Amino acid sequence: MDPITVLLVVPGFLLPSITGLINSAADRNRDAGKAEIIRAQRGGHHPRRKRGRRRRNV
């Protein structure tokens, strides 16, 4: 194969994967935005994330 053909064929194979990745990220961002709007309408607060183990006062 000559180099020009390779340069045209390889992106053709990769394009669907890249498009799917971009669409997946867009879907996650859209869903996060919708959840934020619903949370604001309900007047709820953001749940605190528990990171690691916290020390107990004994």
PDB file of N, CA and C in Angstrom:
ATOM      1  N   MET A   1       0.850  -1.182   0.000  1.00  0.00           N
ATOM      2  CA  MET A   1       0.000   0.000   0.000  1.00  0.00           C
ATOM      3  C   MET A   1       0.891   1.238   0.000  1.00  0.00           C
ATOM      4  N   ASP A   2       0.454   2.184  -0.727  1.00  0.00           N
ATOM      5  CA  ASP A   2       1.230   3.425  -0.707  1.00  0.00           C
ATOM      6  C   ASP A   2       0.811   4.283   0.494  1.00  0.00           C
ATOM      7  N   PRO A   3       1.672   5.194   0.903  1.00  0.00           N
ATOM      8  CA  PRO A   3       1.414   5.973   2.121  1.00  0.00           C
ATOM      9  C   PRO A   3       0.131   6.805   2.085  1.00  0.00           C
ATOM     10  N   ILE A   4      -0.242   7.291   0.927  1.00  0.00           N
ATOM     11  CA  ILE A   4      -1.455   8.116   0.832  1.00  0.00           C
ATOM     12  C   ILE A   4      -2.687   7.272   1.133  1.00  0.00           C
ATOM     13  N   THR A   5      -2.717   6.055   0.646  1.00  0.00           N
ATOM     14  CA  THR A   5      -3.850   5.166   0.907  1.00  0.00           C
ATOM     15  C   THR A   5      -3.936   4.857   2.403  1.00  0.00           C
ATOM     16  N   VAL A   6      -2.802   4.608   3.016  1.00  0.00           N
ATOM     17  CA  VAL A   6      -2.778   4.323   4.452  1.00  0.00           C
ATOM     18  C   VAL A   6      -3.291   5.531   5.227  1.00  0.00           C
ATOM     19  N   LEU A   7      -2.858   6.729   4.843  1.00  0.00           N
ATOM     20  CA  LEU A   7      -3.303   7.941   5.528  1.00  0.00           C
ATOM     21  C   LEU A   7      -4.796   8.181   5.367  1.00  0.00           C
ATOM     22  N   LEU A   8      -5.396   7.665   4.331  1.00  0.00           N
ATOM     23  CA  LEU A   8      -6.828   7.819   4.137  1.00  0.00           C
ATOM     24  C   LEU A   8      -7.635   6.701   4.782  1.00  0.00           C
ATOM     25  N   VAL A   9      -7.092   5.500   4.845  1.00  0.00           N
ATOM     26  CA  VAL A   9      -7.833   4.342   5.358  1.00  0.00           C
ATOM     27  C   VAL A   9      -7.825   4.297   6.890  1.00  0.00           C
ATOM     28  N   VAL A  10      -6.686   4.567   7.509  1.00  0.00           N
ATOM     29  CA  VAL A  10      -6.571   4.458   8.964  1.00  0.00           C
ATOM     30  C   VAL A  10      -7.552   5.389   9.679  1.00  0.00           C
ATOM     31  N   PRO A  11      -7.643   6.670   9.323  1.00  0.00           N
ATOM     32  CA  PRO A  11      -8.653   7.516   9.988  1.00  0.00           C
ATOM     33  C   PRO A  11     -10.085   7.031   9.753  1.00  0.00           C
ATOM     34  N   GLY A  12     -10.323   6.415   8.612  1.00  0.00           N
ATOM     35  CA  GLY A  12     -11.648   5.867   8.344  1.00  0.00           C
ATOM     36  C   GLY A  12     -12.026   4.766   9.318  1.00  0.00           C
ATOM     37  N   PHE A  13     -11.043   3.975   9.730  1.00  0.00           N
ATOM     38  CA  PHE A  13     -11.299   2.926  10.724  1.00  0.00           C
ATOM     39  C   PHE A  13     -11.439   3.498  12.129  1.00  0.00           C
ATOM     40  N   LEU A  14     -10.709   4.555  12.429  1.00  0.00           N
ATOM     41  CA  LEU A  14     -10.718   5.118  13.773  1.00  0.00           C
ATOM     42  C   LEU A  14     -11.876   6.078  14.029  1.00  0.00           C
ATOM     43  N   LEU A  15     -12.452   6.623  12.997  1.00  0.00           N
ATOM     44  CA  LEU A  15     -13.491   7.641  13.155  1.00  0.00           C
ATOM     45  C   LEU A  15     -14.698   7.171  13.961  1.00  0.00           C
ATOM     46  N   PRO A  16     -15.254   5.986  13.725  1.00  0.00           N
ATOM     47  CA  PRO A  16     -16.404   5.559  14.535  1.00  0.00           C
ATOM     48  C   PRO A  16     -16.089   5.454  16.027  1.00  0.00           C
ATOM     49  N   SER A  17     -14.898   4.991  16.363  1.00  0.00           N
ATOM     50  CA  SER A  17     -14.521   4.872  17.773  1.00  0.00           C
ATOM     51  C   SER A  17     -14.406   6.248  18.418  1.00  0.00           C
ATOM     52  N   ILE A  18     -13.774   7.169  17.720  1.00  0.00           N
ATOM     53  CA  ILE A  18     -13.601   8.516  18.263  1.00  0.00           C
ATOM     54  C   ILE A  18     -14.952   9.205  18.405  1.00  0.00           C
ATOM     55  N   THR A  19     -15.819   9.025  17.423  1.00  0.00           N
ATOM     56  CA  THR A  19     -17.165   9.613  17.485  1.00  0.00           C
ATOM     57  C   THR A  19     -17.945   9.047  18.662  1.00  0.00           C
ATOM     58  N   GLY A  20     -17.855   7.739  18.879  1.00  0.00           N
ATOM     59  CA  GLY A  20     -18.536   7.119  20.008  1.00  0.00           C
ATOM     60  C   GLY A  20     -18.017   7.633  21.342  1.00  0.00           C
ATOM     61  N   LEU A  21     -16.711   7.852  21.435  1.00  0.00           N
ATOM     62  CA  LEU A  21     -16.122   8.369  22.664  1.00  0.00           C
ATOM     63  C   LEU A  21     -16.609   9.784  22.955  1.00  0.00           C
ATOM     64  N   ILE A  22     -16.660  10.610  21.934  1.00  0.00           N
ATOM     65  CA  ILE A  22     -17.137  11.985  22.104  1.00  0.00           C
ATOM     66  C   ILE A  22     -18.615  11.990  22.487  1.00  0.00           C
ATOM     67  N   ASN A  23     -19.413  11.169  21.849  1.00  0.00           N
ATOM     68  CA  ASN A  23     -20.839  11.097  22.174  1.00  0.00           C
ATOM     69  C   ASN A  23     -21.060  10.596  23.597  1.00  0.00           C
ATOM     70  N   SER A  24     -20.240   9.658  24.044  1.00  0.00           N
ATOM     71  CA  SER A  24     -20.364   9.146  25.404  1.00  0.00           C
ATOM     72  C   SER A  24     -20.077  10.238  26.431  1.00  0.00           C
ATOM     73  N   ALA A  25     -19.036  11.010  26.189  1.00  0.00           N
ATOM     74  CA  ALA A  25     -18.712  12.104  27.103  1.00  0.00           C
ATOM     75  C   ALA A  25     -19.816  13.155  27.100  1.00  0.00           C
ATOM     76  N   ALA A  26     -20.374  13.440  25.922  1.00  0.00           N
ATOM     77  CA  ALA A  26     -21.458  14.422  25.829  1.00  0.00           C
ATOM     78  C   ALA A  26     -22.693  13.931  26.583  1.00  0.00           C
ATOM     79  N   ASP A  27     -22.991  12.643  26.474  1.00  0.00           N
ATOM     80  CA  ASP A  27     -24.146  12.082  27.186  1.00  0.00           C
ATOM     81  C   ASP A  27     -23.966  12.188  28.696  1.00  0.00           C
ATOM     82  N   ARG A  28     -22.749  11.894  29.195  1.00  0.00           N
ATOM     83  CA  ARG A  28     -22.499  12.000  30.635  1.00  0.00           C
ATOM     84  C   ARG A  28     -22.651  13.438  31.108  1.00  0.00           C
ATOM     85  N   ASN A  29     -22.133  14.382  30.337  1.00  0.00           N
ATOM     86  CA  ASN A  29     -22.248  15.789  30.720  1.00  0.00           C
ATOM     87  C   ASN A  29     -23.697  16.247  30.714  1.00  0.00           C
ATOM     88  N   ARG A  30     -24.465  15.813  29.726  1.00  0.00           N
ATOM     89  CA  ARG A  30     -25.871  16.187  29.634  1.00  0.00           C
ATOM     90  C   ARG A  30     -26.661  15.616  30.808  1.00  0.00           C
ATOM     91  N   ASP A  31     -26.396  14.358  31.148  1.00  0.00           N
ATOM     92  CA  ASP A  31     -27.093  13.733  32.275  1.00  0.00           C
ATOM     93  C   ASP A  31     -26.729  14.389  33.595  1.00  0.00           C
ATOM     94  N   ALA A  32     -25.461  14.772  33.752  1.00  0.00           N
ATOM     95  CA  ALA A  32     -25.045  15.457  34.976  1.00  0.00           C
ATOM     96  C   ALA A  32     -25.738  16.807  35.085  1.00  0.00           C
ATOM     97  N   GLY A  33     -25.893  17.501  33.962  1.00  0.00           N
ATOM     98  CA  GLY A  33     -26.590  18.788  33.967  1.00  0.00           C
ATOM     99  C   GLY A  33     -28.055  18.640  34.329  1.00  0.00           C
ATOM    100  N   LYS A  34     -28.694  17.613  33.785  1.00  0.00           N
ATOM    101  CA  LYS A  34     -30.104  17.373  34.116  1.00  0.00           C
ATOM    102  C   LYS A  34     -30.266  17.049  35.598  1.00  0.00           C
ATOM    103  N   ALA A  35     -29.362  16.245  36.137  1.00  0.00           N
ATOM    104  CA  ALA A  35     -29.429  15.895  37.553  1.00  0.00           C
ATOM    105  C   ALA A  35     -29.241  17.135  38.419  1.00  0.00           C
ATOM    106  N   GLU A  36     -28.356  18.031  38.002  1.00  0.00           N
ATOM    107  CA  GLU A  36     -28.132  19.265  38.750  1.00  0.00           C
ATOM    108  C   GLU A  36     -29.379  20.140  38.753  1.00  0.00           C
ATOM    109  N   ILE A  37     -30.059  20.213  37.621  1.00  0.00           N
ATOM    110  CA  ILE A  37     -31.289  21.015  37.528  1.00  0.00           C
ATOM    111  C   ILE A  37     -32.373  20.419  38.421  1.00  0.00           C
ATOM    112  N   ILE A  38     -32.535  19.115  38.377  1.00  0.00           N
ATOM    113  CA  ILE A  38     -33.554  18.451  39.205  1.00  0.00           C
ATOM    114  C   ILE A  38     -33.246  18.661  40.680  1.00  0.00           C
ATOM    115  N   ARG A  39     -31.967  18.538  41.060  1.00  0.00           N
ATOM    116  CA  ARG A  39     -31.571  18.736  42.443  1.00  0.00           C
ATOM    117  C   ARG A  39     -31.871  20.159  42.894  1.00  0.00           C
ATOM    118  N   ALA A  40     -31.624  21.124  42.022  1.00  0.00           N
ATOM    119  CA  ALA A  40     -31.883  22.523  42.373  1.00  0.00           C
ATOM    120  C   ALA A  40     -33.377  22.793  42.497  1.00  0.00           C
ATOM    121  N   GLN A  41     -34.173  22.190  41.632  1.00  0.00           N
ATOM    122  CA  GLN A  41     -35.622  22.396  41.689  1.00  0.00           C
ATOM    123  C   GLN A  41     -36.218  21.800  42.951  1.00  0.00           C
ATOM    124  N   ARG A  42     -35.657  20.700  43.416  1.00  0.00           N
ATOM    125  CA  ARG A  42     -36.165  20.055  44.633  1.00  0.00           C
ATOM    126  C   ARG A  42     -35.648  20.730  45.889  1.00  0.00           C
ATOM    127  N   GLY A  43     -34.689  21.601  45.725  1.00  0.00           N
ATOM    128  CA  GLY A  43     -34.138  22.299  46.880  1.00  0.00           C
ATOM    129  C   GLY A  43     -33.184  21.460  47.683  1.00  0.00           C
ATOM    130  N   GLY A  44     -32.723  20.404  47.117  1.00  0.00           N
ATOM    131  CA  GLY A  44     -31.801  19.540  47.837  1.00  0.00           C
ATOM    132  C   GLY A  44     -30.393  20.083  47.799  1.00  0.00           C
ATOM    133  N   HIS A  45     -29.596  19.572  48.679  1.00  0.00           N
ATOM    134  CA  HIS A  45     -28.198  19.972  48.699  1.00  0.00           C
ATOM    135  C   HIS A  45     -27.360  18.870  48.074  1.00  0.00           C
ATOM    136  N   HIS A  46     -26.144  19.198  47.791  1.00  0.00           N
ATOM    137  CA  HIS A  46     -25.249  18.207  47.225  1.00  0.00           C
ATOM    138  C   HIS A  46     -24.853  17.212  48.298  1.00  0.00           C
ATOM    139  N   PRO A  47     -24.958  15.942  47.999  1.00  0.00           N
ATOM    140  CA  PRO A  47     -24.535  14.956  48.992  1.00  0.00           C
ATOM    141  C   PRO A  47     -23.020  15.013  49.174  1.00  0.00           C
ATOM    142  N   ARG A  48     -22.586  14.884  50.403  1.00  0.00           N
ATOM    143  CA  ARG A  48     -21.157  14.910  50.671  1.00  0.00           C
ATOM    144  C   ARG A  48     -20.559  13.569  50.305  1.00  0.00           C
ATOM    145  N   ARG A  49     -19.453  13.628  49.652  1.00  0.00           N
ATOM    146  CA  ARG A  49     -18.771  12.396  49.293  1.00  0.00           C
ATOM    147  C   ARG A  49     -17.883  11.972  50.450  1.00  0.00           C
ATOM    148  N   LYS A  50     -17.904  10.695  50.729  1.00  0.00           N
ATOM    149  CA  LYS A  50     -17.038  10.166  51.769  1.00  0.00           C
ATOM    150  C   LYS A  50     -15.738   9.721  51.111  1.00  0.00           C
ATOM    151  N   ARG A  51     -14.683  10.353  51.518  1.00  0.00           N
ATOM    152  CA  ARG A  51     -13.389   9.995  50.957  1.00  0.00           C
ATOM    153  C   ARG A  51     -12.519   9.414  52.059  1.00  0.00           C
ATOM    154  N   GLY A  52     -12.152   8.209  51.895  1.00  0.00           N
ATOM    155  CA  GLY A  52     -11.272   7.580  52.866  1.00  0.00           C
ATOM    156  C   GLY A  52     -11.972   7.323  54.184  1.00  0.00           C
ATOM    157  N   ARG A  53     -11.211   6.840  55.120  1.00  0.00           N
ATOM    158  CA  ARG A  53     -11.760   6.573  56.442  1.00  0.00           C
ATOM    159  C   ARG A  53     -11.505   7.756  57.334  1.00  0.00           C
ATOM    160  N   ARG A  54     -12.501   8.157  58.055  1.00  0.00           N
ATOM    161  CA  ARG A  54     -12.346   9.249  58.992  1.00  0.00           C
ATOM    162  C   ARG A  54     -12.141   8.690  60.390  1.00  0.00           C
ATOM    163  N   ARG A  55     -11.419   9.437  61.189  1.00  0.00           N
ATOM    164  CA  ARG A  55     -11.173   8.988  62.556  1.00  0.00           C
ATOM    165  C   ARG A  55     -12.396   9.251  63.411  1.00  0.00           C
ATOM    166  N   ARG A  56     -12.673   8.309  64.261  1.00  0.00           N
ATOM    167  CA  ARG A  56     -13.782   8.456  65.191  1.00  0.00           C
ATOM    168  C   ARG A  56     -13.291   9.061  66.482  1.00  0.00           C
ATOM    169  N   ASN A  57     -14.101   9.912  67.051  1.00  0.00           N
ATOM    170  CA  ASN A  57     -13.788  10.424  68.374  1.00  0.00           C
ATOM    171  C   ASN A  57     -14.275   9.432  69.410  1.00  0.00           C
ATOM    172  N   VAL A  58     -13.356   8.863  70.143  1.00  0.00           N
ATOM    173  CA  VAL A  58     -13.721   7.846  71.120  1.00  0.00           C
ATOM    174  C   VAL A  58     -13.575   8.369  72.512  1.00  0.00           C
TER     175      VAL A  58
END
